[in-house]
N, C-alpha and C. Protein backbone atom coordinates (compact mmCIF):
# COMPACT_ATOMS: atom_id res chain seq x y z
N UNK A 1 94.01 94.17 110.39
CA UNK A 1 93.86 94.48 111.67
C UNK A 1 92.39 94.64 111.88
N UNK A 2 91.76 94.05 112.79
CA UNK A 2 90.28 94.29 112.92
C UNK A 2 89.78 95.34 113.52
N UNK A 3 88.62 95.70 113.47
CA UNK A 3 88.34 97.12 114.28
C UNK A 3 88.68 97.48 115.73
N UNK A 4 88.37 96.22 116.31
CA UNK A 4 88.59 96.38 117.74
C UNK A 4 90.14 96.52 118.17
N UNK A 5 91.27 96.00 117.32
CA UNK A 5 92.45 96.02 117.38
C UNK A 5 92.73 97.41 117.21
N UNK A 6 92.23 97.88 116.02
CA UNK A 6 92.70 99.24 115.43
C UNK A 6 92.37 100.25 116.27
N UNK A 7 91.14 100.22 117.25
CA UNK A 7 90.61 100.98 118.13
C UNK A 7 91.88 101.09 119.42
N UNK A 8 92.10 99.93 119.63
CA UNK A 8 93.22 99.82 120.74
C UNK A 8 94.50 100.27 120.45
N UNK A 9 95.05 100.11 119.28
CA UNK A 9 96.35 100.53 118.91
C UNK A 9 96.40 102.14 118.46
N UNK A 10 95.05 102.67 118.11
CA UNK A 10 95.02 104.21 117.88
C UNK A 10 95.06 104.80 119.16
N UNK A 11 94.32 104.09 120.38
CA UNK A 11 94.42 104.64 121.51
C UNK A 11 95.75 104.72 122.26
N UNK A 12 96.35 103.45 121.88
CA UNK A 12 97.82 103.54 122.24
C UNK A 12 98.81 104.51 122.09
N UNK A 13 98.70 104.92 120.45
CA UNK A 13 99.30 105.79 119.91
C UNK A 13 99.10 107.27 120.53
N UNK A 14 97.81 107.45 120.84
CA UNK A 14 97.37 108.55 121.50
C UNK A 14 98.07 108.62 122.88
N UNK A 15 98.10 107.73 123.67
CA UNK A 15 98.35 107.63 125.09
C UNK A 15 100.08 107.94 124.98
N UNK A 16 100.86 107.50 124.00
CA UNK A 16 102.42 107.70 123.66
C UNK A 16 102.30 109.21 123.64
N UNK A 17 101.66 109.65 122.80
CA UNK A 17 101.63 111.04 122.21
C UNK A 17 101.61 111.96 123.27
N UNK A 18 100.54 111.64 124.28
CA UNK A 18 100.47 112.65 125.32
C UNK A 18 101.64 112.52 126.24
N UNK A 19 102.45 111.43 126.29
CA UNK A 19 103.63 111.59 127.25
C UNK A 19 104.81 112.08 126.62
N UNK A 20 104.84 112.08 125.30
CA UNK A 20 106.09 112.54 124.52
C UNK A 20 105.48 113.06 123.00
N UNK A 21 105.52 113.90 122.52
CA UNK A 21 105.01 114.55 121.34
C UNK A 21 105.64 113.91 120.19
N UNK A 22 104.82 113.16 119.44
CA UNK A 22 105.11 112.29 118.43
C UNK A 22 104.79 112.91 117.05
N UNK A 23 105.72 112.77 115.98
CA UNK A 23 105.47 113.32 114.71
C UNK A 23 104.36 112.29 114.20
N UNK A 24 103.55 112.97 113.09
CA UNK A 24 102.32 112.27 112.69
C UNK A 24 102.84 110.77 112.15
N UNK A 25 104.12 110.70 111.50
CA UNK A 25 104.74 109.61 110.74
C UNK A 25 104.80 108.50 112.05
N UNK A 26 105.42 108.89 113.25
CA UNK A 26 105.41 107.88 114.30
C UNK A 26 104.16 107.44 115.05
N UNK A 27 103.36 108.75 115.20
CA UNK A 27 102.09 108.34 115.90
C UNK A 27 101.38 107.19 114.88
N UNK A 28 101.36 107.52 113.51
CA UNK A 28 100.59 106.48 112.71
C UNK A 28 101.22 105.02 112.62
N UNK A 29 102.54 105.14 112.84
CA UNK A 29 103.18 103.70 112.69
C UNK A 29 102.97 103.03 113.98
N UNK A 30 102.81 103.63 115.17
CA UNK A 30 102.27 103.03 116.48
C UNK A 30 100.81 102.58 116.16
N UNK A 31 100.10 103.28 115.68
CA UNK A 31 98.66 103.09 115.59
C UNK A 31 98.23 101.97 114.63
N UNK A 32 99.27 101.84 113.67
CA UNK A 32 99.06 100.69 112.76
C UNK A 32 99.63 99.36 113.08
N UNK A 33 100.34 99.36 113.97
CA UNK A 33 101.30 97.99 114.62
C UNK A 33 100.33 97.34 115.61
N UNK A 34 99.93 96.04 115.38
CA UNK A 34 99.16 95.18 116.32
C UNK A 34 100.24 94.75 117.28
N UNK A 35 100.09 95.41 118.46
CA UNK A 35 101.35 95.11 119.51
C UNK A 35 100.78 93.74 120.16
N UNK A 36 99.73 93.53 120.20
CA UNK A 36 99.12 92.12 120.84
C UNK A 36 99.87 91.04 120.21
N UNK A 37 100.04 91.08 118.92
CA UNK A 37 100.88 90.03 118.19
C UNK A 37 102.02 89.76 118.46
N UNK A 38 102.82 90.60 119.38
CA UNK A 38 104.12 90.50 119.68
C UNK A 38 104.29 90.29 121.21
N UNK A 39 103.08 90.11 121.94
CA UNK A 39 103.14 90.06 123.37
C UNK A 39 103.05 88.71 123.80
N UNK A 40 103.64 87.94 124.68
CA UNK A 40 103.41 86.69 124.97
C UNK A 40 101.99 86.39 125.38
N UNK A 41 101.53 84.99 125.13
CA UNK A 41 99.98 84.59 125.34
C UNK A 41 99.46 85.14 126.61
N UNK A 42 100.13 84.85 127.66
CA UNK A 42 99.59 85.30 129.09
C UNK A 42 99.63 86.53 129.56
N UNK A 43 100.16 87.29 128.68
CA UNK A 43 100.39 88.85 128.86
C UNK A 43 99.41 89.72 128.00
N UNK A 44 98.55 89.05 127.00
CA UNK A 44 97.98 89.86 125.92
C UNK A 44 96.94 91.05 126.74
N UNK A 45 96.55 90.76 127.98
CA UNK A 45 95.72 91.94 128.59
C UNK A 45 96.65 93.01 128.85
N UNK A 46 98.05 92.90 128.89
CA UNK A 46 98.63 94.09 129.21
C UNK A 46 99.53 94.75 128.00
N UNK A 47 98.82 94.20 126.86
CA UNK A 47 99.39 94.62 125.62
C UNK A 47 99.42 95.94 125.53
N UNK A 48 98.51 97.00 125.84
CA UNK A 48 98.26 98.10 125.31
C UNK A 48 98.43 99.27 126.73
N UNK A 49 99.15 98.77 127.67
CA UNK A 49 99.69 99.56 128.82
C UNK A 49 101.17 100.13 128.38
N UNK A 50 101.57 101.04 129.04
CA UNK A 50 102.80 101.79 128.56
C UNK A 50 103.96 100.91 129.29
N UNK A 51 103.95 99.83 129.32
CA UNK A 51 104.90 99.11 130.37
C UNK A 51 105.74 98.01 129.45
N UNK A 52 106.99 98.00 129.80
CA UNK A 52 107.97 96.80 129.24
C UNK A 52 107.22 95.33 129.84
N UNK A 53 107.47 94.30 128.75
CA UNK A 53 106.82 92.98 129.32
C UNK A 53 107.85 92.02 129.30
N UNK A 54 107.92 90.98 130.13
CA UNK A 54 108.96 89.85 129.83
C UNK A 54 108.48 88.96 128.91
N UNK A 55 109.54 88.24 127.91
CA UNK A 55 109.07 87.39 127.07
C UNK A 55 109.99 86.20 126.81
N UNK A 56 110.62 85.73 127.97
CA UNK A 56 111.48 84.74 127.85
C UNK A 56 112.83 85.15 127.40
N UNK A 57 113.63 83.95 127.58
CA UNK A 57 115.15 84.33 127.32
C UNK A 57 115.92 85.26 127.93
N UNK A 58 115.21 85.64 128.98
CA UNK A 58 115.66 86.83 129.84
C UNK A 58 115.51 88.12 129.07
N UNK A 59 114.80 88.31 128.26
CA UNK A 59 114.45 89.44 127.16
C UNK A 59 113.20 90.13 127.54
N UNK A 60 113.06 91.33 126.88
CA UNK A 60 111.83 92.04 127.35
C UNK A 60 111.34 92.66 126.15
N UNK A 61 110.01 92.70 125.80
CA UNK A 61 109.57 93.71 124.86
C UNK A 61 109.23 95.08 125.30
N UNK A 62 109.95 95.91 124.64
CA UNK A 62 110.05 97.43 125.13
C UNK A 62 108.79 97.90 125.37
N UNK A 63 108.61 99.00 126.30
CA UNK A 63 107.40 99.88 126.16
C UNK A 63 106.93 100.29 125.01
N UNK A 64 105.87 100.47 124.73
CA UNK A 64 105.38 101.10 123.38
C UNK A 64 105.91 102.82 123.59
N UNK A 65 105.89 103.22 124.62
CA UNK A 65 106.43 104.49 124.81
C UNK A 65 107.95 104.66 124.38
N UNK A 66 108.66 103.66 124.91
CA UNK A 66 110.09 103.61 124.43
C UNK A 66 110.30 103.41 122.91
N UNK A 67 109.56 102.56 122.38
CA UNK A 67 109.61 102.31 120.97
C UNK A 67 109.23 103.41 120.23
N UNK A 68 108.38 104.33 120.69
CA UNK A 68 107.69 105.55 120.07
C UNK A 68 108.90 106.53 120.08
N UNK A 69 109.54 106.56 121.35
CA UNK A 69 110.63 107.58 121.28
C UNK A 69 111.76 107.13 120.47
N UNK A 70 112.19 105.87 120.52
CA UNK A 70 113.39 105.53 119.63
C UNK A 70 113.44 105.84 118.27
N UNK A 71 111.78 105.50 117.75
CA UNK A 71 111.62 105.76 116.45
C UNK A 71 111.54 107.20 116.09
N UNK A 72 111.07 108.17 116.90
CA UNK A 72 111.13 109.58 116.85
C UNK A 72 112.48 110.26 116.73
N UNK A 73 113.33 109.67 117.58
CA UNK A 73 114.81 110.03 117.77
C UNK A 73 115.71 109.81 116.55
N UNK A 74 115.00 108.59 115.65
CA UNK A 74 115.69 108.37 114.26
C UNK A 74 115.60 109.45 113.15
N UNK A 75 114.48 110.26 113.36
CA UNK A 75 114.10 111.11 112.45
C UNK A 75 113.50 110.48 111.14
N UNK A 76 112.73 109.53 111.13
CA UNK A 76 112.50 108.59 110.10
C UNK A 76 111.84 109.44 108.63
N UNK A 77 112.35 108.79 107.57
CA UNK A 77 112.04 109.28 106.20
C UNK A 77 111.73 108.02 105.30
N UNK A 78 110.46 108.37 104.65
CA UNK A 78 110.00 107.06 103.99
C UNK A 78 110.99 106.20 102.99
N UNK A 79 111.73 107.00 102.27
CA UNK A 79 112.71 106.29 101.32
C UNK A 79 113.71 105.66 101.91
N UNK A 80 114.04 105.50 103.20
CA UNK A 80 115.21 105.44 103.84
C UNK A 80 115.34 103.77 104.21
N UNK A 81 116.69 103.37 104.46
CA UNK A 81 117.02 101.82 105.01
C UNK A 81 117.40 102.32 106.43
N UNK A 82 116.80 101.31 107.07
CA UNK A 82 117.28 101.02 108.48
C UNK A 82 117.71 99.88 109.07
N UNK A 83 118.76 99.76 109.84
CA UNK A 83 119.28 98.57 110.46
C UNK A 83 118.95 98.62 111.90
N UNK A 84 118.50 97.41 112.34
CA UNK A 84 118.18 97.46 113.89
C UNK A 84 118.99 96.26 114.34
N UNK A 85 119.57 96.63 115.33
CA UNK A 85 120.33 95.66 116.18
C UNK A 85 119.61 95.18 117.53
N UNK A 86 119.16 93.86 117.15
CA UNK A 86 118.21 93.26 118.49
C UNK A 86 116.95 93.42 118.31
N UNK A 87 116.58 92.32 117.37
CA UNK A 87 115.13 92.35 116.88
C UNK A 87 114.18 92.03 118.11
N UNK A 88 114.61 91.11 119.03
CA UNK A 88 113.68 90.84 120.09
C UNK A 88 112.30 90.17 119.57
N UNK A 89 111.22 90.63 120.11
CA UNK A 89 109.90 90.29 119.78
C UNK A 89 109.61 90.58 118.43
N UNK A 90 110.34 91.60 117.90
CA UNK A 90 110.01 92.22 116.46
C UNK A 90 109.06 93.39 116.35
N UNK A 91 108.65 93.78 117.53
CA UNK A 91 107.87 94.83 117.79
C UNK A 91 108.27 96.15 117.05
N UNK A 92 109.41 96.51 117.60
CA UNK A 92 110.16 97.69 117.02
C UNK A 92 110.34 97.77 115.67
N UNK A 93 110.82 96.45 115.14
CA UNK A 93 110.83 96.65 113.65
C UNK A 93 109.44 96.83 112.82
N UNK A 94 108.55 96.03 113.32
CA UNK A 94 107.21 96.26 112.69
C UNK A 94 106.62 97.63 112.76
N UNK A 95 107.13 98.45 113.79
CA UNK A 95 106.71 99.86 113.81
C UNK A 95 107.57 100.49 112.81
N UNK A 96 108.80 100.21 112.62
CA UNK A 96 109.72 101.00 111.77
C UNK A 96 109.28 100.46 110.33
N UNK A 97 108.67 99.35 110.15
CA UNK A 97 108.30 98.96 108.85
C UNK A 97 107.28 100.01 108.21
N UNK A 98 106.53 100.64 108.97
CA UNK A 98 105.37 101.48 108.47
C UNK A 98 106.10 102.70 108.04
N UNK A 99 107.42 103.11 108.29
CA UNK A 99 108.06 104.45 108.17
C UNK A 99 109.36 104.43 107.17
N UNK A 100 109.94 103.17 106.87
CA UNK A 100 111.11 103.13 106.18
C UNK A 100 110.82 102.13 105.11
N UNK A 101 111.47 102.32 103.94
CA UNK A 101 111.33 101.54 102.89
C UNK A 101 111.84 100.03 103.27
N UNK A 102 112.87 99.95 103.74
CA UNK A 102 113.43 98.53 104.07
C UNK A 102 114.00 98.72 105.55
N UNK A 103 113.75 97.69 106.19
CA UNK A 103 114.21 97.48 107.72
C UNK A 103 114.89 96.10 107.67
N UNK A 104 116.02 96.22 108.12
CA UNK A 104 116.90 95.15 108.31
C UNK A 104 117.18 94.91 109.70
N UNK A 105 116.74 93.75 110.28
CA UNK A 105 117.02 93.39 111.64
C UNK A 105 117.74 92.28 111.88
N UNK A 106 118.59 92.29 113.16
CA UNK A 106 119.49 91.24 113.57
C UNK A 106 118.94 90.78 114.89
N UNK A 107 119.09 89.56 115.03
CA UNK A 107 118.95 88.83 116.51
C UNK A 107 119.77 87.72 116.73
N UNK A 108 120.53 87.68 117.96
CA UNK A 108 121.48 86.73 118.12
C UNK A 108 120.74 85.41 118.81
N UNK A 109 119.40 85.67 119.29
CA UNK A 109 118.94 84.21 119.93
C UNK A 109 118.22 83.82 118.81
N UNK A 110 118.49 82.67 118.23
CA UNK A 110 117.79 81.96 117.10
C UNK A 110 116.21 81.90 117.35
N UNK A 111 115.84 81.16 118.40
CA UNK A 111 114.47 81.01 118.33
C UNK A 111 113.53 82.30 118.73
N UNK A 112 114.05 83.36 118.99
CA UNK A 112 113.44 84.59 119.03
C UNK A 112 113.35 85.33 117.81
N UNK A 113 114.30 84.95 117.05
CA UNK A 113 114.15 85.33 115.56
C UNK A 113 113.24 84.58 114.74
N UNK A 114 112.97 83.37 114.93
CA UNK A 114 111.97 82.34 114.14
C UNK A 114 110.72 82.96 114.69
N UNK A 115 110.44 83.37 115.98
CA UNK A 115 109.08 83.67 116.43
C UNK A 115 108.93 85.11 115.71
N UNK A 116 109.84 86.15 115.80
CA UNK A 116 109.47 87.23 115.19
C UNK A 116 109.28 87.20 113.66
N UNK A 117 109.99 86.24 112.93
CA UNK A 117 109.77 86.09 111.33
C UNK A 117 108.33 85.75 111.03
N UNK A 118 108.01 84.74 111.96
CA UNK A 118 106.56 84.31 111.77
C UNK A 118 105.32 85.27 112.21
N UNK A 119 105.81 86.25 113.03
CA UNK A 119 104.81 87.32 113.28
C UNK A 119 104.65 88.24 112.08
N UNK A 120 106.12 88.63 111.46
CA UNK A 120 106.14 89.51 110.23
C UNK A 120 105.26 88.87 109.04
N UNK A 121 105.43 87.51 109.15
CA UNK A 121 104.57 86.98 107.94
C UNK A 121 103.03 86.95 108.16
N UNK A 122 102.56 86.64 109.37
CA UNK A 122 101.14 86.85 109.59
C UNK A 122 100.66 88.16 109.33
N UNK A 123 101.49 89.10 109.69
CA UNK A 123 100.96 90.63 109.45
C UNK A 123 101.37 91.06 108.22
N UNK A 124 101.71 90.43 107.23
CA UNK A 124 102.21 90.72 105.98
C UNK A 124 103.03 91.79 105.89
N UNK A 125 104.07 91.81 106.76
CA UNK A 125 105.22 93.18 106.99
C UNK A 125 106.43 92.44 105.82
N UNK A 126 106.23 92.96 104.68
CA UNK A 126 107.17 92.30 103.62
C UNK A 126 108.46 93.21 103.27
N UNK A 127 108.57 94.12 104.01
CA UNK A 127 109.75 94.88 103.98
C UNK A 127 110.83 94.75 105.06
N UNK A 128 110.66 93.76 106.01
CA UNK A 128 111.53 93.38 107.00
C UNK A 128 112.39 92.18 106.59
N UNK A 129 113.55 92.47 106.56
CA UNK A 129 114.68 91.48 106.27
C UNK A 129 115.25 91.08 107.55
N UNK A 130 115.56 89.71 107.93
CA UNK A 130 115.93 89.18 109.14
C UNK A 130 117.33 88.58 108.95
N UNK A 131 118.15 88.48 110.24
CA UNK A 131 119.37 87.71 110.10
C UNK A 131 119.78 87.33 111.68
N UNK A 132 120.19 86.07 111.54
CA UNK A 132 120.61 85.57 112.87
C UNK A 132 122.01 85.76 113.01
N UNK A 133 122.44 86.79 113.93
CA UNK A 133 124.01 87.02 113.92
C UNK A 133 124.22 87.80 115.20
N UNK A 134 125.43 88.06 115.62
CA UNK A 134 125.96 89.06 116.59
C UNK A 134 125.70 90.31 115.97
N UNK A 135 124.81 91.09 116.47
CA UNK A 135 124.53 92.47 115.80
C UNK A 135 125.49 93.48 115.90
N UNK A 136 126.53 93.25 116.73
CA UNK A 136 127.77 94.10 116.74
C UNK A 136 128.63 94.02 115.54
N UNK A 137 128.30 92.82 114.61
CA UNK A 137 128.88 92.83 113.34
C UNK A 137 128.15 93.67 112.27
N UNK A 138 126.82 94.38 112.49
CA UNK A 138 126.11 94.82 111.66
C UNK A 138 125.66 93.78 110.45
N UNK A 139 125.29 94.43 109.23
CA UNK A 139 125.02 93.58 108.15
C UNK A 139 125.52 94.35 106.93
N UNK A 140 126.78 94.01 106.59
CA UNK A 140 127.41 94.69 105.47
C UNK A 140 126.93 94.59 104.31
N UNK A 141 126.32 93.51 104.14
CA UNK A 141 125.87 93.08 102.59
C UNK A 141 124.83 94.29 102.27
N UNK A 142 124.03 94.53 102.92
CA UNK A 142 123.06 95.76 102.50
C UNK A 142 123.34 97.20 102.86
N UNK A 143 124.72 97.38 103.34
CA UNK A 143 125.07 98.70 103.84
C UNK A 143 125.31 99.56 102.55
N UNK A 144 125.27 100.80 102.75
CA UNK A 144 125.27 101.59 103.91
C UNK A 144 123.76 101.91 104.17
N UNK A 145 123.52 102.10 105.59
CA UNK A 145 122.09 102.25 106.03
C UNK A 145 121.99 104.03 106.28
N UNK A 146 120.63 104.57 106.10
CA UNK A 146 120.54 105.99 106.53
C UNK A 146 120.23 106.07 107.84
N UNK A 147 119.69 104.87 108.73
CA UNK A 147 119.51 104.97 109.70
C UNK A 147 119.94 103.69 110.67
N UNK A 148 120.33 103.79 111.79
CA UNK A 148 120.82 102.40 112.48
C UNK A 148 120.17 102.79 114.05
N UNK A 149 119.50 101.68 114.53
CA UNK A 149 118.99 101.79 115.88
C UNK A 149 119.35 100.53 116.85
N UNK A 150 120.16 100.53 117.86
CA UNK A 150 120.43 99.75 118.79
C UNK A 150 119.16 99.51 119.58
N UNK A 151 118.66 98.37 119.91
CA UNK A 151 117.65 97.86 120.81
C UNK A 151 118.15 97.07 121.89
N UNK A 152 119.45 97.32 122.29
CA UNK A 152 120.08 96.73 123.44
C UNK A 152 121.11 97.74 123.67
N UNK A 153 121.50 97.81 124.94
CA UNK A 153 122.37 98.87 125.33
C UNK A 153 123.94 98.29 125.17
N UNK A 154 124.87 99.25 124.95
CA UNK A 154 126.39 99.01 124.47
C UNK A 154 127.08 99.71 125.31
N UNK A 155 128.39 99.41 125.56
CA UNK A 155 129.33 100.31 126.09
C UNK A 155 129.94 101.38 125.11
N UNK A 156 130.22 100.69 123.76
CA UNK A 156 130.58 101.63 122.85
C UNK A 156 130.08 101.07 121.51
N UNK A 157 130.08 101.79 120.62
CA UNK A 157 129.58 101.38 119.13
C UNK A 157 130.77 100.86 118.32
N UNK A 158 130.73 99.67 117.75
CA UNK A 158 131.82 99.44 117.19
C UNK A 158 132.22 100.14 115.94
N UNK A 159 133.38 100.38 115.45
CA UNK A 159 133.60 101.24 114.47
C UNK A 159 133.08 100.61 113.13
N UNK A 160 132.96 99.26 112.99
CA UNK A 160 132.25 98.85 111.64
C UNK A 160 130.92 99.15 111.78
N UNK A 161 130.42 99.49 112.48
CA UNK A 161 128.79 99.77 112.68
C UNK A 161 128.70 101.08 112.07
N UNK A 162 129.72 102.21 112.42
CA UNK A 162 129.84 103.55 111.90
C UNK A 162 129.93 103.43 110.27
N UNK A 163 130.90 102.30 110.09
CA UNK A 163 131.21 102.35 108.59
C UNK A 163 130.06 101.89 107.64
N UNK A 164 128.98 101.28 108.36
CA UNK A 164 127.92 100.85 107.86
C UNK A 164 126.55 102.01 107.73
N UNK A 165 126.96 103.06 108.22
CA UNK A 165 126.13 104.34 108.28
C UNK A 165 126.36 105.21 107.19
N UNK A 166 125.49 105.77 106.39
CA UNK A 166 125.57 106.62 105.17
C UNK A 166 126.13 108.01 105.80
N UNK A 167 126.71 108.78 105.18
CA UNK A 167 127.42 110.16 105.54
C UNK A 167 126.01 110.94 105.68
N UNK A 168 125.88 111.52 106.76
CA UNK A 168 124.70 112.43 107.23
C UNK A 168 123.70 111.41 108.00
N UNK A 169 123.99 110.14 108.05
CA UNK A 169 123.17 109.37 108.59
C UNK A 169 123.09 109.34 110.06
N UNK A 170 122.05 108.83 110.92
CA UNK A 170 121.84 108.95 112.47
C UNK A 170 121.90 107.64 112.91
N UNK A 171 122.43 107.47 113.94
CA UNK A 171 122.45 106.07 114.82
C UNK A 171 121.90 106.49 116.23
N UNK A 172 120.96 105.59 116.77
CA UNK A 172 120.51 105.84 118.01
C UNK A 172 120.75 104.63 118.85
N UNK A 173 121.25 104.60 119.98
CA UNK A 173 121.68 103.60 120.97
C UNK A 173 121.62 104.15 122.48
N UNK A 174 121.34 102.99 123.17
CA UNK A 174 121.30 103.16 124.49
C UNK A 174 122.81 102.80 124.88
N UNK A 175 123.53 104.02 125.62
CA UNK A 175 124.81 103.70 125.80
C UNK A 175 125.22 103.65 127.47
N UNK A 176 125.94 102.72 127.95
CA UNK A 176 126.24 102.26 129.20
C UNK A 176 127.16 103.41 129.43
N UNK A 177 127.09 104.01 130.68
CA UNK A 177 127.97 105.17 131.08
C UNK A 177 127.61 105.28 132.70
N UNK A 178 128.88 105.06 133.31
CA UNK A 178 128.88 105.48 134.76
C UNK A 178 127.71 104.65 135.46
N UNK A 179 127.34 103.34 135.11
CA UNK A 179 126.40 102.59 135.72
C UNK A 179 124.88 102.95 135.41
N UNK A 180 124.69 103.99 134.36
CA UNK A 180 123.45 104.05 133.98
C UNK A 180 123.50 103.81 132.28
N UNK A 181 122.34 103.97 131.92
CA UNK A 181 122.20 103.84 130.28
C UNK A 181 121.49 105.31 129.87
N UNK A 182 121.95 105.77 128.62
CA UNK A 182 121.67 106.85 128.12
C UNK A 182 121.37 106.72 126.69
N UNK A 183 120.14 107.02 126.19
CA UNK A 183 119.91 107.16 124.75
C UNK A 183 120.78 108.26 124.05
N UNK A 184 121.33 107.75 123.22
CA UNK A 184 122.42 108.80 122.37
C UNK A 184 122.15 108.74 121.03
N UNK A 185 122.28 109.97 120.46
CA UNK A 185 122.18 110.16 119.09
C UNK A 185 123.70 110.44 118.39
N UNK A 186 123.96 109.62 117.56
CA UNK A 186 125.17 109.90 116.79
C UNK A 186 124.90 110.40 115.23
N UNK A 187 125.61 111.21 114.99
CA UNK A 187 125.47 111.89 113.59
C UNK A 187 126.66 111.89 113.00
N UNK A 188 126.57 111.04 111.77
CA UNK A 188 127.95 110.92 110.94
C UNK A 188 128.05 112.08 109.83
N UNK A 189 129.20 112.94 110.12
CA UNK A 189 129.36 113.94 109.09
C UNK A 189 130.99 113.68 108.72
N UNK A 190 131.00 112.87 107.49
CA UNK A 190 132.31 112.39 106.92
C UNK A 190 133.16 111.53 108.22
N UNK A 191 134.33 112.06 108.45
CA UNK A 191 135.00 111.01 109.29
C UNK A 191 134.54 111.55 110.61
N UNK A 192 133.78 112.62 111.02
CA UNK A 192 133.50 113.02 112.18
C UNK A 192 132.09 112.76 112.64
N UNK A 193 131.96 112.12 113.92
CA UNK A 193 130.90 111.62 114.48
C UNK A 193 130.43 112.57 115.58
N UNK A 194 129.16 113.17 115.50
CA UNK A 194 128.67 113.98 116.60
C UNK A 194 127.81 113.40 117.25
N UNK A 195 128.04 113.70 118.68
CA UNK A 195 127.14 112.86 119.59
C UNK A 195 126.37 113.66 120.50
N UNK A 196 125.04 113.28 120.86
CA UNK A 196 124.38 113.95 121.77
C UNK A 196 123.36 113.11 122.74
N UNK A 197 123.53 113.37 123.91
CA UNK A 197 122.93 112.59 124.87
C UNK A 197 121.52 113.10 125.04
N UNK A 198 120.51 112.06 125.03
CA UNK A 198 119.08 112.45 125.04
C UNK A 198 118.20 112.26 126.33
N UNK A 199 118.39 110.93 126.76
CA UNK A 199 117.59 110.54 128.07
C UNK A 199 118.03 109.25 128.78
N UNK A 200 117.62 109.22 129.96
CA UNK A 200 117.86 107.89 130.58
C UNK A 200 117.26 106.87 130.12
N UNK A 201 117.58 105.69 130.06
CA UNK A 201 116.67 104.46 129.64
C UNK A 201 117.14 103.15 130.40
N UNK A 202 116.46 102.08 129.96
CA UNK A 202 116.75 100.76 130.59
C UNK A 202 116.52 99.81 129.56
N UNK A 203 117.56 99.11 128.95
CA UNK A 203 117.63 98.14 128.05
C UNK A 203 118.32 97.06 128.59
N UNK A 204 117.97 95.75 127.82
CA UNK A 204 118.93 94.54 128.17
C UNK A 204 120.29 94.90 127.39
N UNK A 205 121.45 94.21 128.13
CA UNK A 205 122.64 94.63 127.42
C UNK A 205 123.02 93.93 126.20
N UNK A 206 123.78 94.53 125.13
CA UNK A 206 124.10 93.90 124.10
C UNK A 206 124.93 92.47 124.28
N UNK A 207 125.03 91.41 123.87
CA UNK A 207 125.70 90.17 124.31
C UNK A 207 126.51 89.71 123.05
N UNK A 208 127.65 89.07 123.15
CA UNK A 208 128.43 88.47 122.11
C UNK A 208 127.78 87.33 121.58
N UNK A 209 128.07 86.94 120.56
CA UNK A 209 127.85 85.68 119.78
C UNK A 209 126.32 85.48 119.26
N UNK A 210 126.22 84.06 118.95
CA UNK A 210 124.72 83.75 118.77
C UNK A 210 124.52 82.39 119.63
N UNK A 211 123.08 82.65 119.99
CA UNK A 211 122.54 81.63 121.19
C UNK A 211 121.66 80.75 120.32
N UNK A 212 121.89 79.58 120.13
CA UNK A 212 121.08 78.64 119.47
C UNK A 212 119.97 78.14 120.60
């Protein structure tokens, strides 16, 4: 990252921190991720604003503040593996890659995943593993995961996803409820799932199948 970009990302991390107190790990991860690389060409001038931005295929790149909050709610730990459902532009996965040993991210729209993968390569983010699939299946091959993050809203979390979460693990997802979306934390304790509602949010809904 060149010095000008580093200055912008550091300021962005500080702007997020002013709105929502971030841990040093999350703040550093935002500061070390080149947001411009994930924003469509015509919107580069808006890359460092705290806004969500459109990016084609009726998808959005989440606001940096939302990405920072979702990351913080995961309670990241360096040695952990995280599964992300809904890769999109790849920005959230890139931020997570600075805090987790392994990031496993799934996207159902083929062309979005190809674009995200080329960004990861350009930025030398070698601990991100990608898969084109319906994210509601999870990624059983590398389970269990210490953390799971949904970057799209769901009515319910499929049981097979909870089965891929380690005991004591945390899952964060925007849950659709009574016409609203609420970021919800699920903690797995044996067969018991403890659920906490955190705050209102606005994500694109999770969809079935793969889009070529």
